[in-house]
Amino acid sequence: MKIEFWSDIVCPYCGLMDDRLRRALDRFEHTSDVQVIHRSYQVHPDLPREGVTQRELFRMAGMPAATGEQILGAIEAAARMEGLTPYHALERTLGPTDLAHELLAYATDQGRGGEIWTAMFRAHFGQARKLWTAEEVLDFAAEAGLDRDGAAEALAGRRYHDRVAADQRAAQRLGAQGTPFLVLDGRYAVPGAIGTDELLAAIIRAWDESRPASRTLPALGDGDGMCGPDGCAVPRPTS
Protein backbone atom coordinates (compact mmCIF):
# COMPACT_ATOMS: atom_id res chain seq x y z
CA MET A 1 0.00 0.00 0.00
CA LYS A 2 1.25 3.46 -0.88
CA ILE A 3 0.47 6.58 1.15
CA GLU A 4 1.50 9.87 -0.46
CA PHE A 5 1.77 12.77 1.97
CA TRP A 6 2.05 16.30 0.59
CA SER A 7 3.07 18.88 3.16
CA ASP A 8 5.03 22.02 3.85
CA ILE A 9 7.47 22.41 6.69
CA VAL A 10 5.82 25.67 7.87
CA CYS A 11 2.29 24.22 7.93
CA PRO A 12 1.39 23.53 11.58
CA TYR A 13 -1.35 21.08 10.61
CA CYS A 14 1.27 19.14 8.62
CA GLY A 15 3.46 18.72 11.69
CA LEU A 16 0.48 17.26 13.51
CA MET A 17 -0.40 14.95 10.62
CA ASP A 18 3.18 13.70 10.36
CA ASP A 19 2.90 12.51 13.96
CA ARG A 20 -0.67 11.23 13.57
CA LEU A 21 0.25 9.21 10.49
CA ARG A 22 3.08 7.56 12.38
CA ARG A 23 0.80 6.71 15.30
CA ALA A 24 -1.95 5.44 13.00
CA LEU A 25 0.50 3.14 11.23
CA ASP A 26 1.77 1.87 14.60
CA ARG A 27 -1.77 0.54 15.13
CA PHE A 28 -2.26 -0.80 11.59
CA GLU A 29 -1.76 -4.54 11.31
CA HIS A 30 -0.27 -4.34 7.81
CA THR A 31 2.22 -1.55 8.49
CA SER A 32 5.13 -3.55 7.07
CA ASP A 33 3.34 -3.47 3.70
CA VAL A 34 2.85 0.31 3.69
CA GLN A 35 5.16 2.71 1.86
CA VAL A 36 4.91 6.36 2.94
CA ILE A 37 6.07 8.82 0.29
CA HIS A 38 6.60 12.42 1.40
CA ARG A 39 5.98 15.01 -1.29
CA SER A 40 6.58 18.75 -1.37
CA TYR A 41 4.01 21.53 -1.44
CA GLN A 42 5.04 25.12 -0.76
CA VAL A 43 2.34 27.17 0.95
CA HIS A 44 4.15 30.54 0.99
CA PRO A 45 6.73 30.45 -1.83
CA ASP A 46 6.78 34.24 -2.22
CA LEU A 47 7.82 35.17 1.31
CA PRO A 48 11.10 37.12 1.63
CA ARG A 49 14.21 35.01 2.17
CA GLU A 50 14.87 36.66 5.53
CA GLY A 51 11.44 35.54 6.72
CA VAL A 52 8.51 37.22 8.43
CA THR A 53 6.91 36.66 11.82
CA GLN A 54 3.60 34.86 12.03
CA ARG A 55 1.90 38.07 13.13
CA GLU A 56 3.35 39.89 10.13
CA LEU A 57 1.92 37.15 7.94
CA PHE A 58 -1.52 37.74 9.49
CA ARG A 59 -1.29 41.37 8.36
CA MET A 60 -0.06 40.42 4.90
CA ALA A 61 -2.98 38.01 4.50
CA GLY A 62 -5.51 40.51 5.82
CA MET A 63 -6.45 38.25 8.74
CA PRO A 64 -7.37 39.84 12.08
CA ALA A 65 -4.68 39.03 14.63
CA ALA A 66 -7.25 37.74 17.11
CA THR A 67 -8.60 35.26 14.57
CA GLY A 68 -5.15 33.99 13.64
CA GLU A 69 -4.10 33.66 17.27
CA GLN A 70 -7.25 31.69 18.05
CA ILE A 71 -6.63 29.27 15.17
CA LEU A 72 -2.98 28.70 15.97
CA GLY A 73 -3.66 28.54 19.69
CA ALA A 74 -6.05 25.65 19.05
CA ILE A 75 -3.38 23.87 17.00
CA GLU A 76 -0.83 24.33 19.79
CA ALA A 77 -3.35 22.96 22.30
CA ALA A 78 -3.95 19.89 20.12
CA ALA A 79 -0.20 19.35 19.84
CA ARG A 80 0.17 19.48 23.64
CA MET A 81 -2.60 16.93 24.08
CA GLU A 82 -0.82 14.63 21.64
CA GLY A 83 2.57 14.97 23.32
CA LEU A 84 4.20 17.33 20.80
CA THR A 85 5.76 19.87 23.13
CA PRO A 86 6.82 22.52 22.67
CA TYR A 87 4.97 23.36 19.48
CA HIS A 88 5.49 26.91 18.25
CA ALA A 89 2.74 27.62 15.74
CA LEU A 90 2.39 31.29 16.70
CA GLU A 91 5.72 32.58 18.03
CA ARG A 92 7.87 31.78 14.99
CA THR A 93 9.20 33.08 11.72
CA LEU A 94 8.08 31.80 8.32
CA GLY A 95 9.94 31.99 5.03
CA PRO A 96 10.16 30.37 1.59
CA THR A 97 10.69 26.63 1.89
CA ASP A 98 12.08 25.84 -1.56
CA LEU A 99 15.58 25.07 -0.27
CA ALA A 100 14.22 23.09 2.66
CA HIS A 101 12.19 20.96 0.26
CA GLU A 102 15.20 20.44 -1.99
CA LEU A 103 17.16 19.23 1.03
CA LEU A 104 14.31 16.87 1.90
CA ALA A 105 14.42 15.46 -1.64
CA TYR A 106 18.17 14.99 -1.25
CA ALA A 107 17.57 13.18 2.07
CA THR A 108 15.02 10.94 0.37
CA ASP A 109 17.62 9.91 -2.19
CA GLN A 110 19.93 9.11 0.72
CA GLY A 111 17.30 6.72 2.13
CA ARG A 112 16.40 9.01 5.03
CA GLY A 113 13.39 10.89 3.71
CA GLY A 114 10.74 10.14 6.35
CA GLU A 115 13.20 10.52 9.20
CA ILE A 116 14.44 13.92 8.00
CA TRP A 117 10.92 15.22 7.30
CA THR A 118 10.02 14.48 10.92
CA ALA A 119 13.25 16.00 12.19
CA MET A 120 12.60 19.18 10.20
CA PHE A 121 9.07 19.48 11.54
CA ARG A 122 10.42 19.14 15.07
CA ALA A 123 13.19 21.67 14.40
CA HIS A 124 10.77 24.27 13.08
CA PHE A 125 7.84 23.77 15.44
CA GLY A 126 9.79 22.49 18.42
CA GLN A 127 12.54 25.13 18.28
CA ALA A 128 10.89 27.81 16.10
CA ARG A 129 13.89 27.31 13.85
CA LYS A 130 14.41 29.30 10.64
CA LEU A 131 15.08 27.14 7.57
CA TRP A 132 14.88 29.63 4.70
CA THR A 133 18.46 30.35 3.59
CA ALA A 134 20.98 27.86 2.23
CA GLU A 135 23.14 28.33 5.32
CA GLU A 136 20.24 27.64 7.69
CA VAL A 137 19.21 24.55 5.74
CA LEU A 138 22.76 23.21 5.52
CA ASP A 139 23.34 23.73 9.25
CA PHE A 140 20.23 21.65 9.88
CA ALA A 141 21.45 19.01 7.41
CA ALA A 142 24.77 18.62 9.23
CA GLU A 143 23.07 18.38 12.62
CA ALA A 144 20.70 15.73 11.25
CA GLY A 145 23.67 13.63 10.14
CA LEU A 146 23.44 14.30 6.42
CA ASP A 147 26.57 14.95 4.37
CA ARG A 148 26.81 18.74 4.42
CA ASP A 149 29.06 18.88 1.37
CA GLY A 150 26.79 16.62 -0.63
CA ALA A 151 23.75 18.62 0.41
CA ALA A 152 25.51 21.90 -0.41
CA GLU A 153 26.34 20.64 -3.90
CA ALA A 154 22.72 19.57 -4.44
CA LEU A 155 21.37 22.95 -3.32
CA ALA A 156 23.92 25.01 -5.23
CA GLY A 157 23.10 23.17 -8.46
CA ARG A 158 19.35 23.17 -7.69
CA ARG A 159 19.41 19.47 -8.44
CA TYR A 160 15.98 18.89 -6.92
CA HIS A 161 14.24 22.09 -7.99
CA ASP A 162 12.23 20.39 -10.74
CA ARG A 163 11.24 17.47 -8.53
CA VAL A 164 9.90 19.79 -5.84
CA ALA A 165 7.92 21.78 -8.42
CA ALA A 166 6.57 18.57 -9.99
CA ASP A 167 5.34 17.36 -6.59
CA GLN A 168 3.23 20.48 -6.17
CA ARG A 169 1.79 20.30 -9.67
CA ALA A 170 0.84 16.66 -9.10
CA ALA A 171 -1.04 17.54 -5.91
CA GLN A 172 -2.87 20.39 -7.60
CA ARG A 173 -3.93 18.11 -10.46
CA LEU A 174 -5.45 15.82 -7.81
CA GLY A 175 -7.42 18.71 -6.34
CA ALA A 176 -5.16 19.87 -3.51
CA GLN A 177 -5.62 23.50 -2.53
CA GLY A 178 -3.26 23.45 0.42
CA THR A 179 -1.62 21.20 2.98
CA PRO A 180 -1.70 18.62 4.41
CA PHE A 181 -2.94 16.47 1.54
CA LEU A 182 -2.76 12.68 1.62
CA VAL A 183 -3.60 10.12 -1.03
CA LEU A 184 -4.23 6.57 0.17
CA ASP A 185 -3.24 3.89 -2.32
CA GLY A 186 -4.39 6.08 -5.19
CA ARG A 187 -8.01 5.57 -4.09
CA TYR A 188 -8.86 8.28 -1.58
CA ALA A 189 -7.67 11.81 -0.91
CA VAL A 190 -7.52 13.20 2.61
CA PRO A 191 -7.46 17.01 2.25
CA GLY A 192 -6.60 18.67 5.55
CA ALA A 193 -5.85 17.41 9.03
CA ILE A 194 -7.92 14.67 10.63
CA GLY A 195 -7.56 12.80 13.92
CA THR A 196 -5.49 9.66 14.37
CA ASP A 197 -8.52 7.38 14.75
CA GLU A 198 -10.16 8.84 11.64
CA LEU A 199 -6.92 8.51 9.70
CA LEU A 200 -6.50 4.88 10.76
CA ALA A 201 -10.08 4.12 9.68
CA ALA A 202 -9.39 5.69 6.28
CA ILE A 203 -6.20 3.64 5.86
CA ILE A 204 -8.05 0.44 6.75
CA ARG A 205 -10.82 1.24 4.28
CA ALA A 206 -8.37 1.93 1.47
CA TRP A 207 -6.49 -1.28 2.27
CA ASP A 208 -9.64 -3.41 2.37
CA GLU A 209 -11.03 -2.00 -0.85
CA SER A 210 -7.83 -2.55 -2.78
CA ARG A 211 -7.34 -6.04 -1.35
CA PRO A 212 -10.84 -7.53 -0.99
CA ALA A 213 -11.07 -10.48 1.36
CA SER A 214 -12.47 -13.75 0.07
CA ARG A 215 -16.22 -14.06 0.59
CA THR A 216 -18.70 -16.91 0.66
CA LEU A 217 -21.19 -16.86 -2.19
CA PRO A 218 -24.88 -17.63 -1.57
CA ALA A 219 -25.73 -21.25 -2.36
CA LEU A 220 -28.39 -22.38 -4.81
CA GLY A 221 -29.73 -25.83 -3.94
CA ASP A 222 -28.39 -28.25 -1.36
CA GLY A 223 -26.20 -30.74 -3.16
CA ASP A 224 -24.51 -33.56 -1.23
CA GLY A 225 -22.33 -35.11 -3.91
CA MET A 226 -19.07 -33.48 -2.88
CA CYS A 227 -15.51 -34.67 -2.44
CA GLY A 228 -13.06 -33.17 0.00
CA PRO A 229 -9.72 -33.94 1.67
CA ASP A 230 -11.31 -36.79 3.63
CA GLY A 231 -12.97 -38.43 0.67
CA CYS A 232 -16.34 -38.22 -1.00
CA ALA A 233 -19.68 -37.98 0.74
CA VAL A 234 -22.24 -40.77 0.33
CA PRO A 235 -24.97 -39.33 -1.85
CA ARG A 236 -28.55 -39.31 -0.69
CA PRO A 237 -30.84 -41.68 -2.57
CA THR A 238 -32.62 -40.01 -5.42
CA SER A 239 -36.40 -40.35 -5.66
C-alpha atoms as a PDB file:
ATOM      1  CA  MET A   1       0.000   0.000   0.000  1.00  0.00           C
ATOM      2  CA  LYS A   2       1.250   3.463  -0.880  1.00  0.00           C
ATOM      3  CA  ILE A   3       0.471   6.585   1.146  1.00  0.00           C
ATOM      4  CA  GLU A   4       1.501   9.865  -0.461  1.00  0.00           C
ATOM      5  CA  PHE A   5       1.767  12.769   1.969  1.00  0.00           C
ATOM      6  CA  TRP A   6       2.052  16.297   0.586  1.00  0.00           C
ATOM      7  CA  SER A   7       3.066  18.879   3.160  1.00  0.00           C
ATOM      8  CA  ASP A   8       5.027  22.024   3.853  1.00  0.00           C
ATOM      9  CA  ILE A   9       7.470  22.409   6.686  1.00  0.00           C
ATOM     10  CA  VAL A  10       5.823  25.667   7.865  1.00  0.00           C
ATOM     11  CA  CYS A  11       2.287  24.219   7.931  1.00  0.00           C
ATOM     12  CA  PRO A  12       1.387  23.529  11.578  1.00  0.00           C
ATOM     13  CA  TYR A  13      -1.348  21.076  10.606  1.00  0.00           C
ATOM     14  CA  CYS A  14       1.270  19.136   8.621  1.00  0.00           C
ATOM     15  CA  GLY A  15       3.459  18.722  11.686  1.00  0.00           C
ATOM     16  CA  LEU A  16       0.475  17.263  13.515  1.00  0.00           C
ATOM     17  CA  MET A  17      -0.400  14.951  10.623  1.00  0.00           C
ATOM     18  CA  ASP A  18       3.176  13.696  10.364  1.00  0.00           C
ATOM     19  CA  ASP A  19       2.897  12.511  13.956  1.00  0.00           C
ATOM     20  CA  ARG A  20      -0.667  11.228  13.573  1.00  0.00           C
ATOM     21  CA  LEU A  21       0.247   9.206  10.491  1.00  0.00           C
ATOM     22  CA  ARG A  22       3.081   7.563  12.376  1.00  0.00           C
ATOM     23  CA  ARG A  23       0.796   6.714  15.300  1.00  0.00           C
ATOM     24  CA  ALA A  24      -1.951   5.437  13.003  1.00  0.00           C
ATOM     25  CA  LEU A  25       0.498   3.140  11.232  1.00  0.00           C
ATOM     26  CA  ASP A  26       1.768   1.865  14.596  1.00  0.00           C
ATOM     27  CA  ARG A  27      -1.767   0.541  15.132  1.00  0.00           C
ATOM     28  CA  PHE A  28      -2.264  -0.800  11.590  1.00  0.00           C
ATOM     29  CA  GLU A  29      -1.755  -4.542  11.314  1.00  0.00           C
ATOM     30  CA  HIS A  30      -0.274  -4.342   7.809  1.00  0.00           C
ATOM     31  CA  THR A  31       2.225  -1.546   8.485  1.00  0.00           C
ATOM     32  CA  SER A  32       5.125  -3.548   7.066  1.00  0.00           C
ATOM     33  CA  ASP A  33       3.342  -3.473   3.697  1.00  0.00           C
ATOM     34  CA  VAL A  34       2.849   0.312   3.687  1.00  0.00           C
ATOM     35  CA  GLN A  35       5.158   2.711   1.857  1.00  0.00           C
ATOM     36  CA  VAL A  36       4.906   6.360   2.941  1.00  0.00           C
ATOM     37  CA  ILE A  37       6.074   8.816   0.287  1.00  0.00           C
ATOM     38  CA  HIS A  38       6.596  12.418   1.399  1.00  0.00           C
ATOM     39  CA  ARG A  39       5.978  15.006  -1.289  1.00  0.00           C
ATOM     40  CA  SER A  40       6.578  18.745  -1.374  1.00  0.00           C
ATOM     41  CA  TYR A  41       4.005  21.529  -1.437  1.00  0.00           C
ATOM     42  CA  GLN A  42       5.035  25.123  -0.765  1.00  0.00           C
ATOM     43  CA  VAL A  43       2.340  27.168   0.949  1.00  0.00           C
ATOM     44  CA  HIS A  44       4.149  30.538   0.988  1.00  0.00           C
ATOM     45  CA  PRO A  45       6.730  30.449  -1.828  1.00  0.00           C
ATOM     46  CA  ASP A  46       6.780  34.239  -2.223  1.00  0.00           C
ATOM     47  CA  LEU A  47       7.825  35.172   1.307  1.00  0.00           C
ATOM     48  CA  PRO A  48      11.102  37.116   1.632  1.00  0.00           C
ATOM     49  CA  ARG A  49      14.213  35.006   2.171  1.00  0.00           C
ATOM     50  CA  GLU A  50      14.871  36.663   5.534  1.00  0.00           C
ATOM     51  CA  GLY A  51      11.443  35.538   6.722  1.00  0.00           C
ATOM     52  CA  VAL A  52       8.506  37.217   8.430  1.00  0.00           C
ATOM     53  CA  THR A  53       6.906  36.661  11.822  1.00  0.00           C
ATOM     54  CA  GLN A  54       3.597  34.858  12.026  1.00  0.00           C
ATOM     55  CA  ARG A  55       1.900  38.071  13.126  1.00  0.00           C
ATOM     56  CA  GLU A  56       3.349  39.892  10.127  1.00  0.00           C
ATOM     57  CA  LEU A  57       1.922  37.152   7.938  1.00  0.00           C
ATOM     58  CA  PHE A  58      -1.517  37.738   9.486  1.00  0.00           C
ATOM     59  CA  ARG A  59      -1.292  41.367   8.363  1.00  0.00           C
ATOM     60  CA  MET A  60      -0.062  40.420   4.902  1.00  0.00           C
ATOM     61  CA  ALA A  61      -2.983  38.012   4.503  1.00  0.00           C
ATOM     62  CA  GLY A  62      -5.513  40.509   5.824  1.00  0.00           C
ATOM     63  CA  MET A  63      -6.449  38.250   8.740  1.00  0.00           C
ATOM     64  CA  PRO A  64      -7.374  39.842  12.079  1.00  0.00           C
ATOM     65  CA  ALA A  65      -4.681  39.029  14.626  1.00  0.00           C
ATOM     66  CA  ALA A  66      -7.246  37.737  17.115  1.00  0.00           C
ATOM     67  CA  THR A  67      -8.596  35.263  14.568  1.00  0.00           C
ATOM     68  CA  GLY A  68      -5.146  33.992  13.641  1.00  0.00           C
ATOM     69  CA  GLU A  69      -4.096  33.656  17.268  1.00  0.00           C
ATOM     70  CA  GLN A  70      -7.249  31.694  18.049  1.00  0.00           C
ATOM     71  CA  ILE A  71      -6.634  29.267  15.167  1.00  0.00           C
ATOM     72  CA  LEU A  72      -2.979  28.699  15.967  1.00  0.00           C
ATOM     73  CA  GLY A  73      -3.662  28.536  19.693  1.00  0.00           C
ATOM     74  CA  ALA A  74      -6.047  25.655  19.050  1.00  0.00           C
ATOM     75  CA  ILE A  75      -3.380  23.871  16.995  1.00  0.00           C
ATOM     76  CA  GLU A  76      -0.833  24.327  19.787  1.00  0.00           C
ATOM     77  CA  ALA A  77      -3.351  22.955  22.303  1.00  0.00           C
ATOM     78  CA  ALA A  78      -3.952  19.895  20.118  1.00  0.00           C
ATOM     79  CA  ALA A  79      -0.205  19.350  19.840  1.00  0.00           C
ATOM     80  CA  ARG A  80       0.173  19.478  23.642  1.00  0.00           C
ATOM     81  CA  MET A  81      -2.603  16.925  24.085  1.00  0.00           C
ATOM     82  CA  GLU A  82      -0.822  14.629  21.643  1.00  0.00           C
ATOM     83  CA  GLY A  83       2.572  14.965  23.321  1.00  0.00           C
ATOM     84  CA  LEU A  84       4.204  17.327  20.804  1.00  0.00           C
ATOM     85  CA  THR A  85       5.761  19.868  23.133  1.00  0.00           C
ATOM     86  CA  PRO A  86       6.815  22.516  22.673  1.00  0.00           C
ATOM     87  CA  TYR A  87       4.972  23.357  19.482  1.00  0.00           C
ATOM     88  CA  HIS A  88       5.494  26.914  18.254  1.00  0.00           C
ATOM     89  CA  ALA A  89       2.741  27.617  15.741  1.00  0.00           C
ATOM     90  CA  LEU A  90       2.391  31.292  16.703  1.00  0.00           C
ATOM     91  CA  GLU A  91       5.724  32.583  18.026  1.00  0.00           C
ATOM     92  CA  ARG A  92       7.870  31.777  14.994  1.00  0.00           C
ATOM     93  CA  THR A  93       9.196  33.079  11.715  1.00  0.00           C
ATOM     94  CA  LEU A  94       8.083  31.803   8.318  1.00  0.00           C
ATOM     95  CA  GLY A  95       9.939  31.988   5.029  1.00  0.00           C
ATOM     96  CA  PRO A  96      10.160  30.373   1.587  1.00  0.00           C
ATOM     97  CA  THR A  97      10.694  26.630   1.890  1.00  0.00           C
ATOM     98  CA  ASP A  98      12.075  25.841  -1.556  1.00  0.00           C
ATOM     99  CA  LEU A  99      15.580  25.075  -0.271  1.00  0.00           C
ATOM    100  CA  ALA A 100      14.225  23.090   2.665  1.00  0.00           C
ATOM    101  CA  HIS A 101      12.188  20.955   0.256  1.00  0.00           C
ATOM    102  CA  GLU A 102      15.197  20.440  -1.987  1.00  0.00           C
ATOM    103  CA  LEU A 103      17.160  19.230   1.030  1.00  0.00           C
ATOM    104  CA  LEU A 104      14.310  16.869   1.899  1.00  0.00           C
ATOM    105  CA  ALA A 105      14.418  15.464  -1.637  1.00  0.00           C
ATOM    106  CA  TYR A 106      18.174  14.986  -1.245  1.00  0.00           C
ATOM    107  CA  ALA A 107      17.572  13.180   2.074  1.00  0.00           C
ATOM    108  CA  THR A 108      15.018  10.937   0.373  1.00  0.00           C
ATOM    109  CA  ASP A 109      17.623   9.907  -2.189  1.00  0.00           C
ATOM    110  CA  GLN A 110      19.930   9.105   0.716  1.00  0.00           C
ATOM    111  CA  GLY A 111      17.297   6.722   2.126  1.00  0.00           C
ATOM    112  CA  ARG A 112      16.403   9.008   5.030  1.00  0.00           C
ATOM    113  CA  GLY A 113      13.386  10.886   3.714  1.00  0.00           C
ATOM    114  CA  GLY A 114      10.744  10.141   6.348  1.00  0.00           C
ATOM    115  CA  GLU A 115      13.201  10.521   9.200  1.00  0.00           C
ATOM    116  CA  ILE A 116      14.438  13.917   7.998  1.00  0.00           C
ATOM    117  CA  TRP A 117      10.915  15.217   7.301  1.00  0.00           C
ATOM    118  CA  THR A 118      10.019  14.477  10.921  1.00  0.00           C
ATOM    119  CA  ALA A 119      13.250  15.999  12.192  1.00  0.00           C
ATOM    120  CA  MET A 120      12.604  19.177  10.202  1.00  0.00           C
ATOM    121  CA  PHE A 121       9.067  19.485  11.540  1.00  0.00           C
ATOM    122  CA  ARG A 122      10.422  19.141  15.066  1.00  0.00           C
ATOM    123  CA  ALA A 123      13.185  21.670  14.402  1.00  0.00           C
ATOM    124  CA  HIS A 124      10.765  24.267  13.076  1.00  0.00           C
ATOM    125  CA  PHE A 125       7.838  23.774  15.440  1.00  0.00           C
ATOM    126  CA  GLY A 126       9.791  22.493  18.425  1.00  0.00           C
ATOM    127  CA  GLN A 127      12.536  25.127  18.279  1.00  0.00           C
ATOM    128  CA  ALA A 128      10.895  27.810  16.098  1.00  0.00           C
ATOM    129  CA  ARG A 129      13.889  27.306  13.852  1.00  0.00           C
ATOM    130  CA  LYS A 130      14.411  29.299  10.640  1.00  0.00           C
ATOM    131  CA  LEU A 131      15.079  27.145   7.567  1.00  0.00           C
ATOM    132  CA  TRP A 132      14.884  29.627   4.702  1.00  0.00           C
ATOM    133  CA  THR A 133      18.458  30.352   3.591  1.00  0.00           C
ATOM    134  CA  ALA A 134      20.977  27.865   2.233  1.00  0.00           C
ATOM    135  CA  GLU A 135      23.144  28.327   5.315  1.00  0.00           C
ATOM    136  CA  GLU A 136      20.242  27.642   7.689  1.00  0.00           C
ATOM    137  CA  VAL A 137      19.214  24.553   5.740  1.00  0.00           C
ATOM    138  CA  LEU A 138      22.763  23.208   5.519  1.00  0.00           C
ATOM    139  CA  ASP A 139      23.344  23.733   9.252  1.00  0.00           C
ATOM    140  CA  PHE A 140      20.234  21.651   9.884  1.00  0.00           C
ATOM    141  CA  ALA A 141      21.453  19.006   7.412  1.00  0.00           C
ATOM    142  CA  ALA A 142      24.765  18.622   9.231  1.00  0.00           C
ATOM    143  CA  GLU A 143      23.068  18.375  12.623  1.00  0.00           C
ATOM    144  CA  ALA A 144      20.700  15.726  11.246  1.00  0.00           C
ATOM    145  CA  GLY A 145      23.668  13.629  10.139  1.00  0.00           C
ATOM    146  CA  LEU A 146      23.445  14.302   6.415  1.00  0.00           C
ATOM    147  CA  ASP A 147      26.572  14.946   4.374  1.00  0.00           C
ATOM    148  CA  ARG A 148      26.809  18.743   4.416  1.00  0.00           C
ATOM    149  CA  ASP A 149      29.063  18.885   1.367  1.00  0.00           C
ATOM    150  CA  GLY A 150      26.786  16.622  -0.630  1.00  0.00           C
ATOM    151  CA  ALA A 151      23.746  18.621   0.415  1.00  0.00           C
ATOM    152  CA  ALA A 152      25.506  21.904  -0.412  1.00  0.00           C
ATOM    153  CA  GLU A 153      26.341  20.639  -3.900  1.00  0.00           C
ATOM    154  CA  ALA A 154      22.718  19.574  -4.445  1.00  0.00           C
ATOM    155  CA  LEU A 155      21.372  22.953  -3.323  1.00  0.00           C
ATOM    156  CA  ALA A 156      23.924  25.012  -5.235  1.00  0.00           C
ATOM    157  CA  GLY A 157      23.105  23.173  -8.463  1.00  0.00           C
ATOM    158  CA  ARG A 158      19.355  23.170  -7.692  1.00  0.00           C
ATOM    159  CA  ARG A 159      19.405  19.466  -8.443  1.00  0.00           C
ATOM    160  CA  TYR A 160      15.977  18.889  -6.916  1.00  0.00           C
ATOM    161  CA  HIS A 161      14.236  22.090  -7.988  1.00  0.00           C
ATOM    162  CA  ASP A 162      12.232  20.393 -10.735  1.00  0.00           C
ATOM    163  CA  ARG A 163      11.235  17.470  -8.533  1.00  0.00           C
ATOM    164  CA  VAL A 164       9.898  19.792  -5.845  1.00  0.00           C
ATOM    165  CA  ALA A 165       7.917  21.775  -8.422  1.00  0.00           C
ATOM    166  CA  ALA A 166       6.567  18.568  -9.988  1.00  0.00           C
ATOM    167  CA  ASP A 167       5.336  17.363  -6.592  1.00  0.00           C
ATOM    168  CA  GLN A 168       3.232  20.481  -6.166  1.00  0.00           C
ATOM    169  CA  ARG A 169       1.789  20.300  -9.668  1.00  0.00           C
ATOM    170  CA  ALA A 170       0.838  16.658  -9.099  1.00  0.00           C
ATOM    171  CA  ALA A 171      -1.041  17.539  -5.906  1.00  0.00           C
ATOM    172  CA  GLN A 172      -2.870  20.389  -7.602  1.00  0.00           C
ATOM    173  CA  ARG A 173      -3.933  18.105 -10.462  1.00  0.00           C
ATOM    174  CA  LEU A 174      -5.451  15.821  -7.810  1.00  0.00           C
ATOM    175  CA  GLY A 175      -7.418  18.715  -6.344  1.00  0.00           C
ATOM    176  CA  ALA A 176      -5.159  19.868  -3.510  1.00  0.00           C
ATOM    177  CA  GLN A 177      -5.624  23.500  -2.534  1.00  0.00           C
ATOM    178  CA  GLY A 178      -3.259  23.449   0.423  1.00  0.00           C
ATOM    179  CA  THR A 179      -1.618  21.196   2.977  1.00  0.00           C
ATOM    180  CA  PRO A 180      -1.696  18.617   4.409  1.00  0.00           C
ATOM    181  CA  PHE A 181      -2.937  16.469   1.537  1.00  0.00           C
ATOM    182  CA  LEU A 182      -2.758  12.678   1.621  1.00  0.00           C
ATOM    183  CA  VAL A 183      -3.602  10.116  -1.026  1.00  0.00           C
ATOM    184  CA  LEU A 184      -4.226   6.575   0.172  1.00  0.00           C
ATOM    185  CA  ASP A 185      -3.245   3.888  -2.319  1.00  0.00           C
ATOM    186  CA  GLY A 186      -4.392   6.080  -5.193  1.00  0.00           C
ATOM    187  CA  ARG A 187      -8.005   5.569  -4.087  1.00  0.00           C
ATOM    188  CA  TYR A 188      -8.858   8.284  -1.579  1.00  0.00           C
ATOM    189  CA  ALA A 189      -7.675  11.812  -0.913  1.00  0.00           C
ATOM    190  CA  VAL A 190      -7.518  13.203   2.610  1.00  0.00           C
ATOM    191  CA  PRO A 191      -7.459  17.006   2.250  1.00  0.00           C
ATOM    192  CA  GLY A 192      -6.599  18.673   5.549  1.00  0.00           C
ATOM    193  CA  ALA A 193      -5.845  17.414   9.027  1.00  0.00           C
ATOM    194  CA  ILE A 194      -7.921  14.666  10.627  1.00  0.00           C
ATOM    195  CA  GLY A 195      -7.564  12.803  13.921  1.00  0.00           C
ATOM    196  CA  THR A 196      -5.486   9.664  14.374  1.00  0.00           C
ATOM    197  CA  ASP A 197      -8.516   7.378  14.746  1.00  0.00           C
ATOM    198  CA  GLU A 198     -10.158   8.836  11.644  1.00  0.00           C
ATOM    199  CA  LEU A 199      -6.922   8.505   9.698  1.00  0.00           C
ATOM    200  CA  LEU A 200      -6.501   4.882  10.755  1.00  0.00           C
ATOM    201  CA  ALA A 201     -10.076   4.125   9.677  1.00  0.00           C
ATOM    202  CA  ALA A 202      -9.391   5.693   6.278  1.00  0.00           C
ATOM    203  CA  ILE A 203      -6.200   3.643   5.864  1.00  0.00           C
ATOM    204  CA  ILE A 204      -8.046   0.439   6.749  1.00  0.00           C
ATOM    205  CA  ARG A 205     -10.823   1.240   4.279  1.00  0.00           C
ATOM    206  CA  ALA A 206      -8.371   1.926   1.466  1.00  0.00           C
ATOM    207  CA  TRP A 207      -6.489  -1.279   2.269  1.00  0.00           C
ATOM    208  CA  ASP A 208      -9.640  -3.412   2.374  1.00  0.00           C
ATOM    209  CA  GLU A 209     -11.028  -2.003  -0.849  1.00  0.00           C
ATOM    210  CA  SER A 210      -7.830  -2.547  -2.781  1.00  0.00           C
ATOM    211  CA  ARG A 211      -7.344  -6.044  -1.354  1.00  0.00           C
ATOM    212  CA  PRO A 212     -10.841  -7.528  -0.987  1.00  0.00           C
ATOM    213  CA  ALA A 213     -11.075 -10.475   1.361  1.00  0.00           C
ATOM    214  CA  SER A 214     -12.469 -13.746   0.073  1.00  0.00           C
ATOM    215  CA  ARG A 215     -16.217 -14.065   0.595  1.00  0.00           C
ATOM    216  CA  THR A 216     -18.702 -16.909   0.660  1.00  0.00           C
ATOM    217  CA  LEU A 217     -21.194 -16.860  -2.185  1.00  0.00           C
ATOM    218  CA  PRO A 218     -24.878 -17.629  -1.570  1.00  0.00           C
ATOM    219  CA  ALA A 219     -25.726 -21.250  -2.361  1.00  0.00           C
ATOM    220  CA  LEU A 220     -28.385 -22.384  -4.810  1.00  0.00           C
ATOM    221  CA  GLY A 221     -29.733 -25.833  -3.935  1.00  0.00           C
ATOM    222  CA  ASP A 222     -28.389 -28.246  -1.360  1.00  0.00           C
ATOM    223  CA  GLY A 223     -26.201 -30.738  -3.156  1.00  0.00           C
ATOM    224  CA  ASP A 224     -24.513 -33.556  -1.234  1.00  0.00           C
ATOM    225  CA  GLY A 225     -22.334 -35.112  -3.912  1.00  0.00           C
ATOM    226  CA  MET A 226     -19.075 -33.480  -2.881  1.00  0.00           C
ATOM    227  CA  CYS A 227     -15.513 -34.666  -2.442  1.00  0.00           C
ATOM    228  CA  GLY A 228     -13.057 -33.171   0.001  1.00  0.00           C
ATOM    229  CA  PRO A 229      -9.716 -33.941   1.670  1.00  0.00           C
ATOM    230  CA  ASP A 230     -11.315 -36.790   3.634  1.00  0.00           C
ATOM    231  CA  GLY A 231     -12.974 -38.431   0.665  1.00  0.00           C
ATOM    232  CA  CYS A 232     -16.337 -38.221  -1.003  1.00  0.00           C
ATOM    233  CA  ALA A 233     -19.681 -37.977   0.736  1.00  0.00           C
ATOM    234  CA  VAL A 234     -22.237 -40.768   0.327  1.00  0.00           C
ATOM    235  CA  PRO A 235     -24.968 -39.330  -1.853  1.00  0.00           C
ATOM    236  CA  ARG A 236     -28.545 -39.309  -0.686  1.00  0.00           C
ATOM    237  CA  PRO A 237     -30.839 -41.685  -2.567  1.00  0.00           C
ATOM    238  CA  THR A 238     -32.623 -40.006  -5.421  1.00  0.00           C
ATOM    239  CA  SER A 239     -36.399 -40.347  -5.663  1.00  0.00           C
END
